[in-house]
Amino acid sequence: MIIFNKIYFFLFLILLIIEACIAYFLKTGFIRHSFGDFIVVIMLYCLLKSFINIKPVYLALIVLFISFSIEFLQLFNLLEKLNLTENKIARIVLGNTFHINDLIAYSLGIITVLIVEFKLSRHCESSEAIS
């Protein structure tokens, strides 16, 4: 079901700003190469959750599938095959080099999303039981 969720969209915007700052100000290091990948799956989850009312586990799996797919496309030099190696936006969105560490960062980001969603749902259930 399509429903606009302002909270998730606000979280998406905050994470987008953080990602942009990481990309602009940091050219190397752990935050640029690993933490940015960790955050990007959370950002994508929040964007999709802003418009789609779906169980968190299903959406988390969709986001993980998208992230892994893009990473594996890098393994096969997708940008080169599409003649987009000079396209800055394509390089940002699709990346240009495969790293197993990126898959780990994506997985940890999705696990974090699921833990937070689980804790929020339990908190909401306990709040409703008290009322």
Protein backbone atom coordinates (compact mmCIF):
# COMPACT_ATOMS: atom_id res chain seq x y z
CA MET A 1 0.00 0.00 0.00
CA ILE A 2 1.31 3.46 -0.87
CA ILE A 3 1.27 5.91 2.03
CA PHE A 4 3.53 8.90 2.60
CA ASN A 5 5.41 8.67 5.89
CA LYS A 6 6.96 12.00 6.87
CA ILE A 7 9.19 10.54 9.57
CA TYR A 8 10.92 8.08 7.24
CA PHE A 9 11.24 10.76 4.58
CA PHE A 10 12.82 13.14 7.09
CA LEU A 11 15.27 10.41 8.12
CA PHE A 12 16.04 9.83 4.42
CA LEU A 13 16.84 13.53 3.95
CA ILE A 14 19.13 13.59 6.98
CA LEU A 15 20.99 10.50 5.77
CA LEU A 16 21.21 11.94 2.26
CA ILE A 17 22.88 15.07 3.65
CA ILE A 18 25.29 12.91 5.66
CA GLU A 19 26.11 10.84 2.55
CA ALA A 20 26.67 14.01 0.51
CA CYS A 21 29.01 15.39 3.18
CA ILE A 22 30.95 12.12 3.29
CA ALA A 23 31.28 12.12 -0.50
CA TYR A 24 32.29 15.79 -0.68
CA PHE A 25 34.64 16.09 2.28
CA LEU A 26 36.16 12.62 2.67
CA LYS A 27 38.08 11.03 -0.17
CA THR A 28 39.59 8.05 1.67
CA GLY A 29 39.34 6.12 4.90
CA PHE A 30 36.92 3.98 6.84
CA ILE A 31 34.07 6.50 6.93
CA ARG A 32 34.20 7.06 3.16
CA HIS A 33 34.58 3.43 2.13
CA SER A 34 32.69 1.45 4.79
CA PHE A 35 30.50 3.68 6.92
CA GLY A 36 29.10 5.36 3.79
CA ASP A 37 28.00 1.95 2.49
CA PHE A 38 26.51 1.14 5.89
CA ILE A 39 24.49 4.36 5.81
CA VAL A 40 23.42 4.11 2.17
CA VAL A 41 21.27 1.00 2.73
CA ILE A 42 19.60 2.65 5.71
CA MET A 43 18.99 5.73 3.56
CA LEU A 44 17.49 3.64 0.74
CA TYR A 45 15.32 1.77 3.26
CA CYS A 46 14.02 5.08 4.67
CA LEU A 47 13.31 6.41 1.17
CA LEU A 48 11.29 3.36 0.19
CA LYS A 49 9.57 3.17 3.59
CA SER A 50 8.51 6.80 3.06
CA PHE A 51 6.17 5.68 0.28
CA ILE A 52 5.53 1.96 0.75
CA ASN A 53 3.84 0.45 3.78
CA ILE A 54 5.42 -2.99 3.89
CA LYS A 55 6.72 -5.24 6.65
CA PRO A 56 10.25 -4.19 7.60
CA VAL A 57 11.78 -7.58 6.92
CA TYR A 58 10.44 -7.65 3.35
CA LEU A 59 11.61 -4.13 2.60
CA ALA A 60 14.99 -4.84 4.20
CA LEU A 61 15.44 -7.86 1.93
CA ILE A 62 14.48 -5.79 -1.12
CA VAL A 63 17.02 -3.10 -0.21
CA LEU A 64 19.69 -5.72 0.43
CA PHE A 65 18.94 -7.34 -2.93
CA ILE A 66 19.21 -3.98 -4.73
CA SER A 67 22.47 -3.16 -2.94
CA PHE A 68 24.04 -6.55 -3.61
CA SER A 69 22.91 -6.42 -7.24
CA ILE A 70 24.57 -3.05 -7.81
CA GLU A 71 27.74 -4.27 -6.12
CA PHE A 72 27.90 -7.41 -8.25
CA LEU A 73 27.28 -5.36 -11.40
CA GLN A 74 30.49 -3.52 -10.50
CA LEU A 75 32.28 -6.86 -10.65
CA PHE A 76 31.28 -7.11 -14.32
CA ASN A 77 32.33 -3.53 -15.19
CA LEU A 78 28.80 -2.32 -15.95
CA LEU A 79 29.84 1.32 -16.32
CA GLU A 80 32.44 0.40 -18.92
CA LYS A 81 29.99 -1.75 -20.87
CA LEU A 82 27.44 1.09 -20.89
CA ASN A 83 30.10 3.69 -21.79
CA LEU A 84 29.37 5.58 -18.56
CA THR A 85 32.84 5.58 -17.01
CA GLU A 86 33.08 9.37 -17.46
CA ASN A 87 29.56 10.02 -16.12
CA LYS A 88 29.99 11.30 -12.57
CA ILE A 89 26.39 10.62 -11.50
CA ALA A 90 26.52 7.05 -12.83
CA ARG A 91 29.80 6.48 -10.97
CA ILE A 92 28.26 7.80 -7.74
CA VAL A 93 25.04 5.78 -8.01
CA LEU A 94 26.47 2.56 -9.42
CA GLY A 95 30.00 2.73 -8.08
CA ASN A 96 32.91 1.44 -10.07
CA THR A 97 34.76 -1.21 -8.09
CA PHE A 98 33.57 -4.39 -6.39
CA HIS A 99 34.58 -4.92 -2.75
CA ILE A 100 33.47 -7.72 -0.47
CA ASN A 101 33.66 -5.22 2.42
CA ASP A 102 30.81 -3.29 0.79
CA LEU A 103 28.60 -6.39 1.00
CA ILE A 104 29.44 -6.68 4.69
CA ALA A 105 28.64 -3.00 5.27
CA TYR A 106 25.29 -3.37 3.45
CA SER A 107 24.44 -6.43 5.52
CA LEU A 108 25.32 -4.69 8.79
CA GLY A 109 23.25 -1.67 7.77
CA ILE A 110 20.21 -3.84 7.09
CA ILE A 111 20.69 -5.75 10.35
CA THR A 112 20.74 -2.38 12.13
CA VAL A 113 17.50 -1.36 10.38
CA LEU A 114 15.81 -4.60 11.43
CA ILE A 115 16.96 -4.26 15.05
CA VAL A 116 15.69 -0.67 15.25
CA GLU A 117 12.38 -1.59 13.57
CA PHE A 118 11.93 -4.55 15.94
CA LYS A 119 12.62 -2.42 18.99
CA LEU A 120 10.27 0.31 17.77
CA SER A 121 7.47 -2.16 17.11
CA ARG A 122 7.92 -3.70 20.57
CA HIS A 123 7.91 -0.23 22.14
CA CYS A 124 4.70 0.68 20.28
CA GLU A 125 3.05 -2.59 21.29
CA SER A 126 3.92 -2.06 24.96
CA SER A 127 2.68 1.55 24.79
CA GLU A 128 -0.64 0.38 23.34
CA ALA A 129 -0.98 -2.31 26.03
CA ILE A 130 -0.54 0.31 28.76
CA SER A 131 -3.20 2.61 27.30
